[in-house]
């Protein structure tokens, strides 16, 4: 039986999405701490998660051939 090649990348992308929700729901507004002029939630949702998602997609595509 062969493994499904795209399953691990799909799970990793889902983890990126769910971690955004978890960061926004941290108690005491910890996700809304400001880093520079923007909140940590903005940095994650606007910069970090999209960059990681592209990296995951490119690396998983390269691994498939």
Protein backbone atom coordinates (compact mmCIF):
# COMPACT_ATOMS: atom_id res chain seq x y z
CA UNK A 1 0.00 0.00 0.00
CA UNK A 2 1.39 3.41 -1.01
CA UNK A 3 1.20 6.51 1.17
CA UNK A 4 -0.83 9.49 0.00
CA UNK A 5 1.80 12.10 -0.98
CA UNK A 6 -0.17 15.28 -0.25
CA UNK A 7 -1.65 14.30 3.09
CA UNK A 8 1.19 15.53 5.32
CA UNK A 9 1.30 18.94 3.64
CA UNK A 10 -2.47 19.31 3.96
CA UNK A 11 -2.27 18.52 7.66
CA UNK A 12 0.56 21.02 8.11
CA UNK A 13 -1.45 23.75 6.36
CA UNK A 14 -4.43 22.98 8.58
CA UNK A 15 -2.20 23.30 11.66
CA UNK A 16 -1.09 26.74 10.43
CA UNK A 17 -4.72 27.81 10.12
CA UNK A 18 -5.74 26.45 13.51
CA UNK A 19 -2.77 28.05 15.24
CA UNK A 20 -4.04 31.45 14.06
CA UNK A 21 -7.35 30.77 15.81
CA UNK A 22 -5.53 29.57 18.93
CA UNK A 23 -3.31 32.66 18.98
CA UNK A 24 -6.32 34.96 18.69
CA UNK A 25 -8.09 33.11 21.52
CA UNK A 26 -5.27 33.22 24.06
CA UNK A 27 -6.45 34.37 27.47
CA UNK A 28 -5.77 37.92 28.55
CA UNK A 29 -5.38 39.14 24.98
CA UNK A 30 -1.85 37.75 24.71
CA UNK A 31 -2.20 37.48 20.93
CA UNK A 32 -2.96 41.18 20.74
CA UNK A 33 0.41 42.22 22.14
CA UNK A 34 1.90 44.80 19.82
CA UNK A 35 5.15 44.15 17.98
CA UNK A 36 6.02 47.44 16.42
CA UNK A 37 2.84 49.14 15.22
CA UNK A 38 0.90 45.87 14.66
CA UNK A 39 -0.43 43.11 16.89
CA UNK A 40 1.06 39.63 17.07
CA UNK A 41 -2.12 38.18 15.54
CA UNK A 42 -1.72 40.47 12.54
CA UNK A 43 1.93 39.50 12.08
CA UNK A 44 1.03 35.81 12.20
CA UNK A 45 -2.03 36.05 9.93
CA UNK A 46 -0.57 38.58 7.52
CA UNK A 47 3.07 37.56 7.22
CA UNK A 48 4.27 34.46 9.08
CA UNK A 49 1.51 31.95 8.22
CA UNK A 50 1.32 32.85 4.50
CA UNK A 51 5.10 32.59 4.12
CA UNK A 52 5.12 29.23 5.91
CA UNK A 53 2.17 28.03 3.79
CA UNK A 54 3.98 28.87 0.57
CA UNK A 55 7.12 27.14 1.85
CA UNK A 56 5.12 24.01 2.75
CA UNK A 57 3.40 23.98 -0.64
CA UNK A 58 6.63 24.45 -2.58
CA UNK A 59 8.56 21.88 -0.57
CA UNK A 60 5.79 19.29 -0.78
CA UNK A 61 5.52 19.84 -4.53
CA UNK A 62 9.27 19.41 -4.89
CA UNK A 63 9.20 16.20 -2.86
CA UNK A 64 6.62 14.69 -5.20
CA UNK A 65 8.75 15.17 -8.24
